[in-house]
């Protein structure tokens, strides 16, 4: 597969063993918080309310990021 993709084996294994970036770690942390807030609201909060609640909890992020992460999690307000 490495030959087909045009990458070296050592390059592939080096990439695979690389730790997750700060952005990925932040998004994973936010996903957990978003799911917690969403579940606590009995699945009625949309991204705006979830964003507001995260702000109250001291998490700084944009509303669009919350919207994107909620979409990736498959969460939608009732």
PDB file of N, CA and C in Angstrom:
ATOM      1  N   UNK A   1       0.824  -1.181   0.000  1.00  0.00           N
ATOM      2  CA  UNK A   1       0.000   0.000   0.000  1.00  0.00           C
ATOM      3  C   UNK A   1       0.881   1.262   0.000  1.00  0.00           C
ATOM      4  N   UNK A   2       1.992   1.210   0.722  1.00  0.00           N
ATOM      5  CA  UNK A   2       2.887   2.368   0.752  1.00  0.00           C
ATOM      6  C   UNK A   2       3.398   2.697  -0.650  1.00  0.00           C
ATOM      7  N   UNK A   3       3.740   1.666  -1.422  1.00  0.00           N
ATOM      8  CA  UNK A   3       4.222   1.892  -2.787  1.00  0.00           C
ATOM      9  C   UNK A   3       3.120   2.504  -3.644  1.00  0.00           C
ATOM     10  N   UNK A   4       1.897   2.029  -3.465  1.00  0.00           N
ATOM     11  CA  UNK A   4       0.771   2.542  -4.230  1.00  0.00           C
ATOM     12  C   UNK A   4       0.522   4.013  -3.913  1.00  0.00           C
ATOM     13  N   UNK A   5       0.680   4.398  -2.624  1.00  0.00           N
ATOM     14  CA  UNK A   5       0.479   5.786  -2.221  1.00  0.00           C
ATOM     15  C   UNK A   5       1.704   6.653  -2.470  1.00  0.00           C
ATOM     16  N   UNK A   6       2.832   6.018  -2.723  1.00  0.00           N
ATOM     17  CA  UNK A   6       4.046   6.779  -3.008  1.00  0.00           C
ATOM     18  C   UNK A   6       4.730   7.323  -1.765  1.00  0.00           C
ATOM     19  N   UNK A   7       4.610   6.598  -0.653  1.00  0.00           N
ATOM     20  CA  UNK A   7       5.284   7.006   0.583  1.00  0.00           C
ATOM     21  C   UNK A   7       6.183   5.863   1.056  1.00  0.00           C
ATOM     22  N   UNK A   8       7.205   6.223   1.797  1.00  0.00           N
ATOM     23  CA  UNK A   8       8.106   5.193   2.308  1.00  0.00           C
ATOM     24  C   UNK A   8       7.486   4.525   3.526  1.00  0.00           C
ATOM     25  N   UNK A   9       7.918   3.306   3.794  1.00  0.00           N
ATOM     26  CA  UNK A   9       7.428   2.596   4.976  1.00  0.00           C
ATOM     27  C   UNK A   9       7.790   3.347   6.249  1.00  0.00           C
ATOM     28  N   UNK A  10       9.033   3.793   6.313  1.00  0.00           N
ATOM     29  CA  UNK A  10       9.473   4.499   7.520  1.00  0.00           C
ATOM     30  C   UNK A  10       8.671   5.786   7.724  1.00  0.00           C
ATOM     31  N   UNK A  11       8.351   6.475   6.636  1.00  0.00           N
ATOM     32  CA  UNK A  11       7.546   7.692   6.722  1.00  0.00           C
ATOM     33  C   UNK A  11       6.142   7.407   7.227  1.00  0.00           C
ATOM     34  N   UNK A  12       5.568   6.290   6.753  1.00  0.00           N
ATOM     35  CA  UNK A  12       4.231   5.913   7.194  1.00  0.00           C
ATOM     36  C   UNK A  12       4.219   5.605   8.680  1.00  0.00           C
ATOM     37  N   UNK A  13       5.153   4.788   9.135  1.00  0.00           N
ATOM     38  CA  UNK A  13       5.173   4.407  10.545  1.00  0.00           C
ATOM     39  C   UNK A  13       5.520   5.589  11.445  1.00  0.00           C
ATOM     40  N   UNK A  14       6.327   6.504  10.945  1.00  0.00           N
ATOM     41  CA  UNK A  14       6.630   7.711  11.715  1.00  0.00           C
ATOM     42  C   UNK A  14       5.372   8.559  11.848  1.00  0.00           C
ATOM     43  N   UNK A  15       4.589   8.684  10.767  1.00  0.00           N
ATOM     44  CA  UNK A  15       3.348   9.455  10.788  1.00  0.00           C
ATOM     45  C   UNK A  15       2.319   8.797  11.707  1.00  0.00           C
ATOM     46  N   UNK A  16       2.226   7.466  11.629  1.00  0.00           N
ATOM     47  CA  UNK A  16       1.248   6.733  12.423  1.00  0.00           C
ATOM     48  C   UNK A  16       1.523   6.837  13.928  1.00  0.00           C
ATOM     49  N   UNK A  17       2.784   6.893  14.295  1.00  0.00           N
ATOM     50  CA  UNK A  17       3.158   6.958  15.702  1.00  0.00           C
ATOM     51  C   UNK A  17       3.183   8.365  16.271  1.00  0.00           C
ATOM     52  N   UNK A  18       2.947   9.346  15.433  1.00  0.00           N
ATOM     53  CA  UNK A  18       2.990  10.738  15.868  1.00  0.00           C
ATOM     54  C   UNK A  18       1.828  11.036  16.812  1.00  0.00           C
ATOM     55  N   UNK A  19       2.072  11.786  17.888  1.00  0.00           N
ATOM     56  CA  UNK A  19       0.970  12.118  18.804  1.00  0.00           C
ATOM     57  C   UNK A  19      -0.035  13.073  18.144  1.00  0.00           C
ATOM     58  N   UNK A  20      -1.232  13.067  18.667  1.00  0.00           N
ATOM     59  CA  UNK A  20      -2.290  13.939  18.126  1.00  0.00           C
ATOM     60  C   UNK A  20      -1.909  15.405  18.326  1.00  0.00           C
ATOM     61  N   UNK A  21      -2.321  16.226  17.398  1.00  0.00           N
ATOM     62  CA  UNK A  21      -2.008  17.655  17.479  1.00  0.00           C
ATOM     63  C   UNK A  21      -2.826  18.318  18.586  1.00  0.00           C
ATOM     64  N   UNK A  22      -2.431  19.512  18.952  1.00  0.00           N
ATOM     65  CA  UNK A  22      -3.141  20.268  19.987  1.00  0.00           C
ATOM     66  C   UNK A  22      -4.582  20.549  19.562  1.00  0.00           C
ATOM     67  N   UNK A  23      -4.783  20.793  18.281  1.00  0.00           N
ATOM     68  CA  UNK A  23      -6.128  21.065  17.782  1.00  0.00           C
ATOM     69  C   UNK A  23      -7.021  19.843  17.929  1.00  0.00           C
ATOM     70  N   UNK A  24      -6.509  18.691  17.585  1.00  0.00           N
ATOM     71  CA  UNK A  24      -7.293  17.458  17.701  1.00  0.00           C
ATOM     72  C   UNK A  24      -7.621  17.184  19.164  1.00  0.00           C
ATOM     73  N   UNK A  25      -6.646  17.368  20.046  1.00  0.00           N
ATOM     74  CA  UNK A  25      -6.893  17.153  21.470  1.00  0.00           C
ATOM     75  C   UNK A  25      -7.940  18.132  21.992  1.00  0.00           C
ATOM     76  N   UNK A  26      -7.884  19.387  21.567  1.00  0.00           N
ATOM     77  CA  UNK A  26      -8.861  20.398  21.989  1.00  0.00           C
ATOM     78  C   UNK A  26     -10.254  20.032  21.498  1.00  0.00           C
ATOM     79  N   UNK A  27     -10.354  19.607  20.252  1.00  0.00           N
ATOM     80  CA  UNK A  27     -11.655  19.229  19.695  1.00  0.00           C
ATOM     81  C   UNK A  27     -12.243  18.035  20.440  1.00  0.00           C
ATOM     82  N   UNK A  28     -11.418  17.068  20.790  1.00  0.00           N
ATOM     83  CA  UNK A  28     -11.903  15.912  21.542  1.00  0.00           C
ATOM     84  C   UNK A  28     -12.406  16.333  22.920  1.00  0.00           C
ATOM     85  N   UNK A  29     -11.682  17.250  23.568  1.00  0.00           N
ATOM     86  CA  UNK A  29     -12.109  17.769  24.871  1.00  0.00           C
ATOM     87  C   UNK A  29     -13.454  18.493  24.741  1.00  0.00           C
ATOM     88  N   UNK A  30     -13.576  19.329  23.711  1.00  0.00           N
ATOM     89  CA  UNK A  30     -14.823  20.067  23.490  1.00  0.00           C
ATOM     90  C   UNK A  30     -15.974  19.125  23.152  1.00  0.00           C
ATOM     91  N   UNK A  31     -15.703  18.067  22.408  1.00  0.00           N
ATOM     92  CA  UNK A  31     -16.755  17.102  22.075  1.00  0.00           C
ATOM     93  C   UNK A  31     -17.337  16.491  23.339  1.00  0.00           C
ATOM     94  N   UNK A  32     -16.482  16.157  24.283  1.00  0.00           N
ATOM     95  CA  UNK A  32     -16.964  15.588  25.545  1.00  0.00           C
ATOM     96  C   UNK A  32     -17.825  16.593  26.298  1.00  0.00           C
ATOM     97  N   UNK A  33     -17.375  17.851  26.365  1.00  0.00           N
ATOM     98  CA  UNK A  33     -18.143  18.878  27.055  1.00  0.00           C
ATOM     99  C   UNK A  33     -19.474  19.146  26.363  1.00  0.00           C
ATOM    100  N   UNK A  34     -19.447  19.199  25.046  1.00  0.00           N
ATOM    101  CA  UNK A  34     -20.666  19.439  24.272  1.00  0.00           C
ATOM    102  C   UNK A  34     -21.673  18.328  24.521  1.00  0.00           C
ATOM    103  N   UNK A  35     -21.218  17.086  24.499  1.00  0.00           N
ATOM    104  CA  UNK A  35     -22.119  15.956  24.744  1.00  0.00           C
ATOM    105  C   UNK A  35     -22.702  16.026  26.148  1.00  0.00           C
ATOM    106  N   UNK A  36     -21.901  16.440  27.125  1.00  0.00           N
ATOM    107  CA  UNK A  36     -22.375  16.564  28.501  1.00  0.00           C
ATOM    108  C   UNK A  36     -23.451  17.636  28.618  1.00  0.00           C
ATOM    109  N   UNK A  37     -23.204  18.797  28.028  1.00  0.00           N
ATOM    110  CA  UNK A  37     -24.170  19.901  28.078  1.00  0.00           C
ATOM    111  C   UNK A  37     -25.443  19.510  27.338  1.00  0.00           C
ATOM    112  N   UNK A  38     -25.282  18.879  26.192  1.00  0.00           N
ATOM    113  CA  UNK A  38     -26.434  18.483  25.386  1.00  0.00           C
ATOM    114  C   UNK A  38     -27.303  17.472  26.134  1.00  0.00           C
ATOM    115  N   UNK A  39     -26.667  16.488  26.758  1.00  0.00           N
ATOM    116  CA  UNK A  39     -27.419  15.487  27.522  1.00  0.00           C
ATOM    117  C   UNK A  39     -28.099  16.112  28.742  1.00  0.00           C
ATOM    118  N   UNK A  40     -27.428  17.047  29.402  1.00  0.00           N
ATOM    119  CA  UNK A  40     -28.000  17.705  30.585  1.00  0.00           C
ATOM    120  C   UNK A  40     -29.221  18.544  30.216  1.00  0.00           C
ATOM    121  N   UNK A  41     -29.291  18.983  28.972  1.00  0.00           N
ATOM    122  CA  UNK A  41     -30.432  19.789  28.531  1.00  0.00           C
ATOM    123  C   UNK A  41     -31.574  18.921  27.997  1.00  0.00           C
ATOM    124  N   UNK A  42     -31.467  17.615  28.206  1.00  0.00           N
ATOM    125  CA  UNK A  42     -32.466  16.663  27.680  1.00  0.00           C
ATOM    126  C   UNK A  42     -32.561  16.755  26.157  1.00  0.00           C
ATOM    127  N   UNK A  43     -31.404  17.004  25.551  1.00  0.00           N
ATOM    128  CA  UNK A  43     -31.255  17.050  24.093  1.00  0.00           C
ATOM    129  C   UNK A  43     -32.115  18.124  23.431  1.00  0.00           C
ATOM    130  N   UNK A  44     -32.323  19.242  24.127  1.00  0.00           N
ATOM    131  CA  UNK A  44     -33.127  20.329  23.570  1.00  0.00           C
ATOM    132  C   UNK A  44     -32.291  21.527  23.145  1.00  0.00           C
ATOM    133  N   UNK A  45     -31.043  21.620  23.599  1.00  0.00           N
ATOM    134  CA  UNK A  45     -30.221  22.775  23.266  1.00  0.00           C
ATOM    135  C   UNK A  45     -29.633  22.637  21.864  1.00  0.00           C
ATOM    136  N   UNK A  46     -29.694  23.727  21.122  1.00  0.00           N
ATOM    137  CA  UNK A  46     -29.015  23.809  19.847  1.00  0.00           C
ATOM    138  C   UNK A  46     -27.603  24.321  20.063  1.00  0.00           C
ATOM    139  N   UNK A  47     -26.883  24.571  18.972  1.00  0.00           N
ATOM    140  CA  UNK A  47     -25.489  24.966  19.102  1.00  0.00           C
ATOM    141  C   UNK A  47     -25.329  26.314  19.793  1.00  0.00           C
ATOM    142  N   UNK A  48     -26.296  27.219  19.636  1.00  0.00           N
ATOM    143  CA  UNK A  48     -26.179  28.536  20.276  1.00  0.00           C
ATOM    144  C   UNK A  48     -26.231  28.429  21.799  1.00  0.00           C
ATOM    145  N   UNK A  49     -27.188  27.662  22.295  1.00  0.00           N
ATOM    146  CA  UNK A  49     -27.307  27.494  23.747  1.00  0.00           C
ATOM    147  C   UNK A  49     -26.143  26.694  24.310  1.00  0.00           C
ATOM    148  N   UNK A  50     -25.711  25.683  23.577  1.00  0.00           N
ATOM    149  CA  UNK A  50     -24.559  24.902  24.028  1.00  0.00           C
ATOM    150  C   UNK A  50     -23.335  25.813  24.084  1.00  0.00           C
ATOM    151  N   UNK A  51     -23.152  26.656  23.080  1.00  0.00           N
ATOM    152  CA  UNK A  51     -22.030  27.604  23.064  1.00  0.00           C
ATOM    153  C   UNK A  51     -22.102  28.544  24.261  1.00  0.00           C
ATOM    154  N   UNK A  52     -23.277  29.043  24.551  1.00  0.00           N
ATOM    155  CA  UNK A  52     -23.454  29.944  25.692  1.00  0.00           C
ATOM    156  C   UNK A  52     -23.106  29.234  27.004  1.00  0.00           C
ATOM    157  N   UNK A  53     -23.553  27.993  27.137  1.00  0.00           N
ATOM    158  CA  UNK A  53     -23.270  27.225  28.357  1.00  0.00           C
ATOM    159  C   UNK A  53     -21.778  26.926  28.495  1.00  0.00           C
ATOM    160  N   UNK A  54     -21.120  26.639  27.398  1.00  0.00           N
ATOM    161  CA  UNK A  54     -19.671  26.418  27.452  1.00  0.00           C
ATOM    162  C   UNK A  54     -18.956  27.688  27.893  1.00  0.00           C
ATOM    163  N   UNK A  55     -19.425  28.840  27.422  1.00  0.00           N
ATOM    164  CA  UNK A  55     -18.857  30.118  27.848  1.00  0.00           C
ATOM    165  C   UNK A  55     -19.023  30.335  29.343  1.00  0.00           C
ATOM    166  N   UNK A  56     -20.179  29.968  29.864  1.00  0.00           N
ATOM    167  CA  UNK A  56     -20.408  30.080  31.311  1.00  0.00           C
ATOM    168  C   UNK A  56     -19.472  29.178  32.103  1.00  0.00           C
ATOM    169  N   UNK A  57     -19.099  28.071  31.499  1.00  0.00           N
ATOM    170  CA  UNK A  57     -18.191  27.126  32.167  1.00  0.00           C
ATOM    171  C   UNK A  57     -16.722  27.493  31.966  1.00  0.00           C
ATOM    172  N   UNK A  58     -16.468  28.567  31.240  1.00  0.00           N
ATOM    173  CA  UNK A  58     -15.102  29.037  31.068  1.00  0.00           C
ATOM    174  C   UNK A  58     -14.379  28.500  29.848  1.00  0.00           C
ATOM    175  N   UNK A  59     -15.085  27.825  28.961  1.00  0.00           N
ATOM    176  CA  UNK A  59     -14.469  27.305  27.733  1.00  0.00           C
ATOM    177  C   UNK A  59     -14.652  28.320  26.615  1.00  0.00           C
ATOM    178  N   UNK A  60     -13.561  28.789  26.074  1.00  0.00           N
ATOM    179  CA  UNK A  60     -13.633  29.756  24.983  1.00  0.00           C
ATOM    180  C   UNK A  60     -13.538  29.035  23.649  1.00  0.00           C
ATOM    181  N   UNK A  61     -14.566  29.205  22.835  1.00  0.00           N
ATOM    182  CA  UNK A  61     -14.591  28.662  21.483  1.00  0.00           C
ATOM    183  C   UNK A  61     -15.666  29.414  20.714  1.00  0.00           C
ATOM    184  N   UNK A  62     -15.623  29.297  19.418  1.00  0.00           N
ATOM    185  CA  UNK A  62     -16.609  29.996  18.602  1.00  0.00           C
ATOM    186  C   UNK A  62     -17.885  29.169  18.490  1.00  0.00           C
ATOM    187  N   UNK A  63     -18.963  29.857  18.197  1.00  0.00           N
ATOM    188  CA  UNK A  63     -20.241  29.173  18.006  1.00  0.00           C
ATOM    189  C   UNK A  63     -20.173  28.253  16.789  1.00  0.00           C
ATOM    190  N   UNK A  64     -19.439  28.660  15.768  1.00  0.00           N
ATOM    191  CA  UNK A  64     -19.321  27.834  14.568  1.00  0.00           C
ATOM    192  C   UNK A  64     -18.562  26.547  14.845  1.00  0.00           C
ATOM    193  N   UNK A  65     -17.580  26.599  15.736  1.00  0.00           N
ATOM    194  CA  UNK A  65     -16.865  25.378  16.111  1.00  0.00           C
ATOM    195  C   UNK A  65     -17.806  24.434  16.849  1.00  0.00           C
ATOM    196  N   UNK A  66     -18.622  24.970  17.740  1.00  0.00           N
ATOM    197  CA  UNK A  66     -19.602  24.147  18.454  1.00  0.00           C
ATOM    198  C   UNK A  66     -20.573  23.528  17.452  1.00  0.00           C
ATOM    199  N   UNK A  67     -21.005  24.309  16.498  1.00  0.00           N
ATOM    200  CA  UNK A  67     -21.918  23.812  15.459  1.00  0.00           C
ATOM    201  C   UNK A  67     -21.281  22.670  14.677  1.00  0.00           C
ATOM    202  N   UNK A  68     -20.026  22.846  14.270  1.00  0.00           N
ATOM    203  CA  UNK A  68     -19.313  21.818  13.516  1.00  0.00           C
ATOM    204  C   UNK A  68     -19.155  20.534  14.335  1.00  0.00           C
ATOM    205  N   UNK A  69     -18.754  20.680  15.586  1.00  0.00           N
ATOM    206  CA  UNK A  69     -18.532  19.503  16.423  1.00  0.00           C
ATOM    207  C   UNK A  69     -19.847  18.793  16.740  1.00  0.00           C
ATOM    208  N   UNK A  70     -20.924  19.554  16.948  1.00  0.00           N
ATOM    209  CA  UNK A  70     -22.225  18.925  17.179  1.00  0.00           C
ATOM    210  C   UNK A  70     -22.665  18.146  15.942  1.00  0.00           C
ATOM    211  N   UNK A  71     -22.400  18.689  14.784  1.00  0.00           N
ATOM    212  CA  UNK A  71     -22.750  17.994  13.538  1.00  0.00           C
ATOM    213  C   UNK A  71     -21.956  16.693  13.422  1.00  0.00           C
ATOM    214  N   UNK A  72     -20.647  16.753  13.761  1.00  0.00           N
ATOM    215  CA  UNK A  72     -19.820  15.544  13.694  1.00  0.00           C
ATOM    216  C   UNK A  72     -20.295  14.493  14.697  1.00  0.00           C
ATOM    217  N   UNK A  73     -20.793  14.931  15.844  1.00  0.00           N
ATOM    218  CA  UNK A  73     -21.305  14.016  16.860  1.00  0.00           C
ATOM    219  C   UNK A  73     -22.710  13.508  16.548  1.00  0.00           C
ATOM    220  N   UNK A  74     -23.353  14.136  15.576  1.00  0.00           N
ATOM    221  CA  UNK A  74     -24.716  13.747  15.223  1.00  0.00           C
ATOM    222  C   UNK A  74     -25.746  14.260  16.200  1.00  0.00           C
ATOM    223  N   UNK A  75     -25.451  15.371  16.868  1.00  0.00           N
ATOM    224  CA  UNK A  75     -26.363  15.943  17.848  1.00  0.00           C
ATOM    225  C   UNK A  75     -27.196  17.043  17.215  1.00  0.00           C
ATOM    226  N   UNK A  76     -28.481  17.016  17.468  1.00  0.00           N
ATOM    227  CA  UNK A  76     -29.376  18.035  16.958  1.00  0.00           C
ATOM    228  C   UNK A  76     -30.482  18.291  17.955  1.00  0.00           C
ATOM    229  N   UNK A  77     -30.862  19.541  18.083  1.00  0.00           N
ATOM    230  CA  UNK A  77     -31.915  19.897  19.030  1.00  0.00           C
ATOM    231  C   UNK A  77     -33.252  19.327  18.592  1.00  0.00           C
ATOM    232  N   UNK A  78     -34.086  19.051  19.556  1.00  0.00           N
ATOM    233  CA  UNK A  78     -35.416  18.511  19.278  1.00  0.00           C
ATOM    234  C   UNK A  78     -36.339  19.645  18.882  1.00  0.00           C
TER     235      UNK A  78
END
